[in-house]
PDB file of all heavy atoms in Angstrom:
ATOM      1  N   LEU A   1       0.842  -1.197   0.007  1.00  0.00           N
ATOM      2  CA  LEU A   1       0.008   0.003  -0.005  1.00  0.00           C
ATOM      3  C   LEU A   1       0.890   1.259  -0.018  1.00  0.00           C
ATOM      4  O   LEU A   1       1.758   1.343   0.799  1.00  0.00           O
ATOM      5  CB  LEU A   1      -0.932   0.056   1.210  1.00  0.00           C
ATOM      6  CG  LEU A   1      -1.842   1.284   1.198  1.00  0.00           C
ATOM      7  CD1 LEU A   1      -3.016   1.047   0.267  1.00  0.00           C
ATOM      8  CD2 LEU A   1      -2.337   1.630   2.569  1.00  0.00           C
ATOM      9  N   ASP A   2       0.570   2.145  -0.879  1.00  0.00           N
ATOM     10  CA  ASP A   2       1.285   3.382  -0.997  1.00  0.00           C
ATOM     11  C   ASP A   2       0.303   4.522  -0.909  1.00  0.00           C
ATOM     12  O   ASP A   2      -0.714   4.549  -1.605  1.00  0.00           O
ATOM     13  CB  ASP A   2       2.066   3.491  -2.342  1.00  0.00           C
ATOM     14  CG  ASP A   2       2.934   4.713  -2.517  1.00  0.00           C
ATOM     15  OD1 ASP A   2       3.179   5.358  -1.456  1.00  0.00           O
ATOM     16  OD2 ASP A   2       3.257   5.052  -3.602  1.00  0.00           O
ATOM     17  N   GLY A   3       0.536   5.458   0.031  1.00  0.00           N
ATOM     18  CA  GLY A   3      -0.337   6.618   0.154  1.00  0.00           C
ATOM     19  C   GLY A   3      -1.062   6.664   1.434  1.00  0.00           C
ATOM     20  O   GLY A   3      -1.708   5.690   1.849  1.00  0.00           O
ATOM     21  N   GLY A   4      -0.941   7.748   2.137  1.00  0.00           N
ATOM     22  CA  GLY A   4      -1.738   8.014   3.355  1.00  0.00           C
ATOM     23  C   GLY A   4      -1.145   7.438   4.587  1.00  0.00           C
ATOM     24  O   GLY A   4      -1.793   7.544   5.660  1.00  0.00           O
ATOM     25  N   ILE A   5       0.015   6.872   4.525  1.00  0.00           N
ATOM     26  CA  ILE A   5       0.648   6.283   5.718  1.00  0.00           C
ATOM     27  C   ILE A   5       1.402   7.406   6.441  1.00  0.00           C
ATOM     28  O   ILE A   5       2.429   7.847   5.953  1.00  0.00           O
ATOM     29  CB  ILE A   5       1.592   5.105   5.366  1.00  0.00           C
ATOM     30  CG1 ILE A   5       0.833   4.047   4.603  1.00  0.00           C
ATOM     31  CG2 ILE A   5       2.257   4.585   6.657  1.00  0.00           C
ATOM     32  CD1 ILE A   5      -0.285   3.365   5.367  1.00  0.00           C
ATOM     33  N   ARG A   6       0.914   7.848   7.580  1.00  0.00           N
ATOM     34  CA  ARG A   6       1.501   8.924   8.365  1.00  0.00           C
ATOM     35  C   ARG A   6       1.928   8.509   9.743  1.00  0.00           C
ATOM     36  O   ARG A   6       2.735   9.133  10.389  1.00  0.00           O
ATOM     37  CB  ARG A   6       0.531  10.088   8.497  1.00  0.00           C
ATOM     38  CG  ARG A   6       0.036  10.634   7.144  1.00  0.00           C
ATOM     39  CD  ARG A   6       1.137  11.399   6.476  1.00  0.00           C
ATOM     40  NE  ARG A   6       0.632  11.991   5.212  1.00  0.00           N
ATOM     41  CZ  ARG A   6       0.793  11.460   4.026  1.00  0.00           C
ATOM     42  NH1 ARG A   6       1.456  10.281   3.867  1.00  0.00           N
ATOM     43  NH2 ARG A   6       0.307  12.012   2.953  1.00  0.00           N
ATOM     44  N   ARG A   7       1.314   7.426  10.326  1.00  0.00           N
ATOM     45  CA  ARG A   7       1.612   6.997  11.622  1.00  0.00           C
ATOM     46  C   ARG A   7       1.444   5.475  11.785  1.00  0.00           C
ATOM     47  O   ARG A   7       0.920   4.841  10.836  1.00  0.00           O
ATOM     48  CB  ARG A   7       0.688   7.716  12.599  1.00  0.00           C
ATOM     49  CG  ARG A   7      -0.785   7.520  12.392  1.00  0.00           C
ATOM     50  CD  ARG A   7      -1.707   8.436  13.219  1.00  0.00           C
ATOM     51  NE  ARG A   7      -1.550   9.816  12.927  1.00  0.00           N
ATOM     52  CZ  ARG A   7      -2.057  10.448  11.915  1.00  0.00           C
ATOM     53  NH1 ARG A   7      -2.884   9.838  11.074  1.00  0.00           N
ATOM     54  NH2 ARG A   7      -1.872  11.744  11.719  1.00  0.00           N
ATOM     55  N   GLY A   8       1.802   4.962  12.893  1.00  0.00           N
ATOM     56  CA  GLY A   8       1.722   3.513  13.065  1.00  0.00           C
ATOM     57  C   GLY A   8       0.350   2.907  12.975  1.00  0.00           C
ATOM     58  O   GLY A   8       0.165   1.791  12.492  1.00  0.00           O
ATOM     59  N   GLY A   9      -0.638   3.719  13.359  1.00  0.00           N
ATOM     60  CA  GLY A   9      -2.010   3.207  13.233  1.00  0.00           C
ATOM     61  C   GLY A   9      -2.387   3.004  11.800  1.00  0.00           C
ATOM     62  O   GLY A   9      -3.212   2.114  11.483  1.00  0.00           O
ATOM     63  N   ASP A  10      -1.900   3.837  10.914  1.00  0.00           N
ATOM     64  CA  ASP A  10      -2.157   3.665   9.481  1.00  0.00           C
ATOM     65  C   ASP A  10      -1.537   2.372   8.943  1.00  0.00           C
ATOM     66  O   ASP A  10      -2.106   1.700   8.148  1.00  0.00           O
ATOM     67  CB  ASP A  10      -1.584   4.851   8.664  1.00  0.00           C
ATOM     68  CG  ASP A  10      -2.159   6.172   9.085  1.00  0.00           C
ATOM     69  OD1 ASP A  10      -3.364   6.235   9.487  1.00  0.00           O
ATOM     70  OD2 ASP A  10      -1.451   7.197   8.885  1.00  0.00           O
ATOM     71  N   VAL A  11      -0.354   2.045   9.477  1.00  0.00           N
ATOM     72  CA  VAL A  11       0.326   0.800   9.095  1.00  0.00           C
ATOM     73  C   VAL A  11      -0.486  -0.364   9.571  1.00  0.00           C
ATOM     74  O   VAL A  11      -0.766  -1.323   8.765  1.00  0.00           O
ATOM     75  CB  VAL A  11       1.712   0.708   9.647  1.00  0.00           C
ATOM     76  CG1 VAL A  11       2.349  -0.660   9.349  1.00  0.00           C
ATOM     77  CG2 VAL A  11       2.620   1.855   9.201  1.00  0.00           C
ATOM     78  N   ALA A  12      -0.976  -0.347  10.813  1.00  0.00           N
ATOM     79  CA  ALA A  12      -1.773  -1.436  11.353  1.00  0.00           C
ATOM     80  C   ALA A  12      -3.056  -1.628  10.551  1.00  0.00           C
ATOM     81  O   ALA A  12      -3.428  -2.758  10.203  1.00  0.00           O
ATOM     82  CB  ALA A  12      -2.109  -1.184  12.798  1.00  0.00           C
ATOM     83  N   LYS A  13      -3.685  -0.564  10.154  1.00  0.00           N
ATOM     84  CA  LYS A  13      -4.946  -0.670   9.379  1.00  0.00           C
ATOM     85  C   LYS A  13      -4.643  -1.255   7.995  1.00  0.00           C
ATOM     86  O   LYS A  13      -5.427  -2.154   7.558  1.00  0.00           O
ATOM     87  CB  LYS A  13      -5.517   0.735   9.209  1.00  0.00           C
ATOM     88  CG  LYS A  13      -6.855   0.784   8.523  1.00  0.00           C
ATOM     89  CD  LYS A  13      -7.356   2.220   8.416  1.00  0.00           C
ATOM     90  CE  LYS A  13      -8.795   2.328   8.617  1.00  0.00           C
ATOM     91  NZ  LYS A  13      -9.261   3.693   8.494  1.00  0.00           N
ATOM     92  N   ALA A  14      -3.606  -0.844   7.365  1.00  0.00           N
ATOM     93  CA  ALA A  14      -3.284  -1.368   6.032  1.00  0.00           C
ATOM     94  C   ALA A  14      -2.975  -2.887   6.101  1.00  0.00           C
ATOM     95  O   ALA A  14      -3.391  -3.658   5.251  1.00  0.00           O
ATOM     96  CB  ALA A  14      -2.112  -0.613   5.430  1.00  0.00           C
ATOM     97  N   LEU A  15      -2.176  -3.283   7.125  1.00  0.00           N
ATOM     98  CA  LEU A  15      -1.860  -4.665   7.277  1.00  0.00           C
ATOM     99  C   LEU A  15      -3.133  -5.516   7.570  1.00  0.00           C
ATOM    100  O   LEU A  15      -3.302  -6.604   7.054  1.00  0.00           O
ATOM    101  CB  LEU A  15      -0.828  -4.871   8.390  1.00  0.00           C
ATOM    102  CG  LEU A  15       0.564  -4.256   8.134  1.00  0.00           C
ATOM    103  CD1 LEU A  15       1.450  -4.428   9.338  1.00  0.00           C
ATOM    104  CD2 LEU A  15       1.174  -4.798   6.859  1.00  0.00           C
ATOM    105  N   ALA A  16      -4.024  -4.963   8.402  1.00  0.00           N
ATOM    106  CA  ALA A  16      -5.301  -5.677   8.680  1.00  0.00           C
ATOM    107  C   ALA A  16      -6.124  -5.805   7.478  1.00  0.00           C
ATOM    108  O   ALA A  16      -6.821  -6.845   7.299  1.00  0.00           O
ATOM    109  CB  ALA A  16      -6.020  -4.924   9.761  1.00  0.00           C
ATOM    110  N   LEU A  17      -6.110  -4.854   6.578  1.00  0.00           N
ATOM    111  CA  LEU A  17      -6.993  -4.880   5.430  1.00  0.00           C
ATOM    112  C   LEU A  17      -6.367  -5.573   4.175  1.00  0.00           C
ATOM    113  O   LEU A  17      -7.000  -5.575   3.114  1.00  0.00           O
ATOM    114  CB  LEU A  17      -7.435  -3.472   5.044  1.00  0.00           C
ATOM    115  CG  LEU A  17      -8.249  -2.727   6.112  1.00  0.00           C
ATOM    116  CD1 LEU A  17      -8.548  -1.334   5.691  1.00  0.00           C
ATOM    117  CD2 LEU A  17      -9.552  -3.490   6.373  1.00  0.00           C
ATOM    118  N   GLY A  18      -5.207  -6.151   4.358  1.00  0.00           N
ATOM    119  CA  GLY A  18      -4.677  -7.018   3.299  1.00  0.00           C
ATOM    120  C   GLY A  18      -3.308  -6.651   2.698  1.00  0.00           C
ATOM    121  O   GLY A  18      -2.789  -7.377   1.878  1.00  0.00           O
ATOM    122  N   ALA A  19      -2.728  -5.564   3.155  1.00  0.00           N
ATOM    123  CA  ALA A  19      -1.389  -5.200   2.644  1.00  0.00           C
ATOM    124  C   ALA A  19      -0.389  -6.122   3.281  1.00  0.00           C
ATOM    125  O   ALA A  19      -0.438  -6.434   4.482  1.00  0.00           O
ATOM    126  CB  ALA A  19      -1.039  -3.741   2.929  1.00  0.00           C
ATOM    127  N   ARG A  20       0.654  -6.481   2.496  1.00  0.00           N
ATOM    128  CA  ARG A  20       1.748  -7.244   3.080  1.00  0.00           C
ATOM    129  C   ARG A  20       2.782  -6.225   3.686  1.00  0.00           C
ATOM    130  O   ARG A  20       3.513  -6.594   4.632  1.00  0.00           O
ATOM    131  CB  ARG A  20       2.400  -8.071   1.938  1.00  0.00           C
ATOM    132  CG  ARG A  20       3.675  -8.733   2.270  1.00  0.00           C
ATOM    133  CD  ARG A  20       3.471  -9.888   3.168  1.00  0.00           C
ATOM    134  NE  ARG A  20       4.770 -10.548   3.363  1.00  0.00           N
ATOM    135  CZ  ARG A  20       4.892 -11.774   3.800  1.00  0.00           C
ATOM    136  NH1 ARG A  20       3.821 -12.521   3.995  1.00  0.00           N
ATOM    137  NH2 ARG A  20       6.087 -12.250   3.946  1.00  0.00           N
ATOM    138  N   ALA A  21       2.829  -5.049   3.091  1.00  0.00           N
ATOM    139  CA  ALA A  21       3.760  -4.028   3.519  1.00  0.00           C
ATOM    140  C   ALA A  21       3.244  -2.675   3.129  1.00  0.00           C
ATOM    141  O   ALA A  21       2.318  -2.607   2.279  1.00  0.00           O
ATOM    142  CB  ALA A  21       5.158  -4.257   2.962  1.00  0.00           C
ATOM    143  N   VAL A  22       3.784  -1.608   3.664  1.00  0.00           N
ATOM    144  CA  VAL A  22       3.375  -0.283   3.258  1.00  0.00           C
ATOM    145  C   VAL A  22       4.609   0.505   2.829  1.00  0.00           C
ATOM    146  O   VAL A  22       5.766   0.186   3.210  1.00  0.00           O
ATOM    147  CB  VAL A  22       2.676   0.495   4.392  1.00  0.00           C
ATOM    148  CG1 VAL A  22       1.427  -0.234   4.845  1.00  0.00           C
ATOM    149  CG2 VAL A  22       3.606   0.691   5.570  1.00  0.00           C
ATOM    150  N   LEU A  23       4.408   1.562   2.002  1.00  0.00           N
ATOM    151  CA  LEU A  23       5.456   2.438   1.584  1.00  0.00           C
ATOM    152  C   LEU A  23       5.328   3.775   2.325  1.00  0.00           C
ATOM    153  O   LEU A  23       4.184   4.282   2.393  1.00  0.00           O
ATOM    154  CB  LEU A  23       5.362   2.620   0.060  1.00  0.00           C
ATOM    155  CG  LEU A  23       5.371   1.300  -0.760  1.00  0.00           C
ATOM    156  CD1 LEU A  23       5.114   1.569  -2.210  1.00  0.00           C
ATOM    157  CD2 LEU A  23       6.668   0.543  -0.558  1.00  0.00           C
ATOM    158  N   ILE A  24       6.385   4.267   2.850  1.00  0.00           N
ATOM    159  CA  ILE A  24       6.270   5.495   3.680  1.00  0.00           C
ATOM    160  C   ILE A  24       7.259   6.552   3.132  1.00  0.00           C
ATOM    161  O   ILE A  24       7.924   7.152   3.920  1.00  0.00           O
ATOM    162  CB  ILE A  24       6.573   5.214   5.133  1.00  0.00           C
ATOM    163  CG1 ILE A  24       7.965   4.598   5.336  1.00  0.00           C
ATOM    164  CG2 ILE A  24       5.481   4.325   5.730  1.00  0.00           C
ATOM    165  CD1 ILE A  24       8.417   4.617   6.797  1.00  0.00           C
ATOM    166  N   GLY A  25       7.203   6.827   1.864  1.00  0.00           N
ATOM    167  CA  GLY A  25       8.146   7.757   1.277  1.00  0.00           C
ATOM    168  C   GLY A  25       8.122   9.140   1.915  1.00  0.00           C
ATOM    169  O   GLY A  25       9.169   9.671   2.303  1.00  0.00           O
ATOM    170  N   ARG A  26       6.976   9.761   2.076  1.00  0.00           N
ATOM    171  CA  ARG A  26       6.929  11.132   2.561  1.00  0.00           C
ATOM    172  C   ARG A  26       7.428  11.174   4.050  1.00  0.00           C
ATOM    173  O   ARG A  26       8.232  12.028   4.328  1.00  0.00           O
ATOM    174  CB  ARG A  26       5.518  11.660   2.494  1.00  0.00           C
ATOM    175  CG  ARG A  26       5.476  13.155   2.804  1.00  0.00           C
ATOM    176  CD  ARG A  26       4.142  13.730   2.511  1.00  0.00           C
ATOM    177  NE  ARG A  26       3.805  13.591   1.118  1.00  0.00           N
ATOM    178  CZ  ARG A  26       2.625  13.883   0.591  1.00  0.00           C
ATOM    179  NH1 ARG A  26       1.623  14.257   1.346  1.00  0.00           N
ATOM    180  NH2 ARG A  26       2.427  13.676  -0.670  1.00  0.00           N
ATOM    181  N   ALA A  27       6.964  10.319   4.870  1.00  0.00           N
ATOM    182  CA  ALA A  27       7.428  10.345   6.272  1.00  0.00           C
ATOM    183  C   ALA A  27       8.885  10.146   6.381  1.00  0.00           C
ATOM    184  O   ALA A  27       9.602  10.842   7.133  1.00  0.00           O
ATOM    185  CB  ALA A  27       6.663   9.255   7.069  1.00  0.00           C
ATOM    186  N   ARG A  28       9.444   9.234   5.583  1.00  0.00           N
ATOM    187  CA  ARG A  28      10.903   9.001   5.575  1.00  0.00           C
ATOM    188  C   ARG A  28      11.618  10.244   5.146  1.00  0.00           C
ATOM    189  O   ARG A  28      12.644  10.618   5.731  1.00  0.00           O
ATOM    190  CB  ARG A  28      11.221   7.809   4.645  1.00  0.00           C
ATOM    191  CG  ARG A  28      12.649   7.525   4.406  1.00  0.00           C
ATOM    192  CD  ARG A  28      12.882   6.464   3.323  1.00  0.00           C
ATOM    193  NE  ARG A  28      12.055   6.724   2.156  1.00  0.00           N
ATOM    194  CZ  ARG A  28      12.486   7.472   1.127  1.00  0.00           C
ATOM    195  NH1 ARG A  28      13.678   8.079   1.161  1.00  0.00           N
ATOM    196  NH2 ARG A  28      11.759   7.602   0.035  1.00  0.00           N
ATOM    197  N   LEU A  29      11.134  10.930   4.150  1.00  0.00           N
ATOM    198  CA  LEU A  29      11.791  12.114   3.629  1.00  0.00           C
ATOM    199  C   LEU A  29      11.693  13.223   4.639  1.00  0.00           C
ATOM    200  O   LEU A  29      12.673  14.051   4.747  1.00  0.00           O
ATOM    201  CB  LEU A  29      11.200  12.554   2.298  1.00  0.00           C
ATOM    202  CG  LEU A  29      11.475  11.625   1.112  1.00  0.00           C
ATOM    203  CD1 LEU A  29      10.742  12.060  -0.150  1.00  0.00           C
ATOM    204  CD2 LEU A  29      12.984  11.581   0.851  1.00  0.00           C
ATOM    205  N   TRP A  30      10.602  13.367   5.353  1.00  0.00           N
ATOM    206  CA  TRP A  30      10.546  14.374   6.403  1.00  0.00           C
ATOM    207  C   TRP A  30      11.608  14.107   7.497  1.00  0.00           C
ATOM    208  O   TRP A  30      12.259  15.014   7.927  1.00  0.00           O
ATOM    209  CB  TRP A  30       9.157  14.363   7.090  1.00  0.00           C
ATOM    210  CG  TRP A  30       8.082  14.958   6.261  1.00  0.00           C
ATOM    211  CD1 TRP A  30       8.214  15.825   5.190  1.00  0.00           C
ATOM    212  CD2 TRP A  30       6.691  14.752   6.376  1.00  0.00           C
ATOM    213  NE1 TRP A  30       6.929  16.126   4.652  1.00  0.00           N
ATOM    214  CE2 TRP A  30       6.018  15.456   5.387  1.00  0.00           C
ATOM    215  CE3 TRP A  30       5.942  13.975   7.258  1.00  0.00           C
ATOM    216  CZ2 TRP A  30       4.631  15.515   5.230  1.00  0.00           C
ATOM    217  CZ3 TRP A  30       4.529  13.963   7.094  1.00  0.00           C
ATOM    218  CH2 TRP A  30       3.910  14.727   6.097  1.00  0.00           C
ATOM    219  N   GLY A  31      11.744  12.863   7.885  1.00  0.00           N
ATOM    220  CA  GLY A  31      12.806  12.527   8.875  1.00  0.00           C
ATOM    221  C   GLY A  31      14.143  12.826   8.336  1.00  0.00           C
ATOM    222  O   GLY A  31      15.030  13.384   9.055  1.00  0.00           O
ATOM    223  N   LEU A  32      14.403  12.474   7.082  1.00  0.00           N
ATOM    224  CA  LEU A  32      15.696  12.706   6.529  1.00  0.00           C
ATOM    225  C   LEU A  32      16.035  14.181   6.412  1.00  0.00           C
ATOM    226  O   LEU A  32      17.147  14.638   6.786  1.00  0.00           O
ATOM    227  CB  LEU A  32      15.755  12.086   5.106  1.00  0.00           C
ATOM    228  CG  LEU A  32      17.061  12.235   4.325  1.00  0.00           C
ATOM    229  CD1 LEU A  32      18.160  11.426   4.991  1.00  0.00           C
ATOM    230  CD2 LEU A  32      16.902  11.744   2.855  1.00  0.00           C
ATOM    231  N   ALA A  33      15.027  14.990   5.999  1.00  0.00           N
ATOM    232  CA  ALA A  33      15.229  16.436   5.885  1.00  0.00           C
ATOM    233  C   ALA A  33      15.446  17.047   7.250  1.00  0.00           C
ATOM    234  O   ALA A  33      16.251  18.016   7.411  1.00  0.00           O
ATOM    235  CB  ALA A  33      14.061  17.099   5.220  1.00  0.00           C
TER     236      ALA A  33
END
């Protein structure tokens, strides 16, 4: 799942609904910056 992952609760929801993994590009980039 790509899109809308901003916090751990979003990850849990995506995994529960069928995702094997999530992509967190924007959050990772914020941390990097």
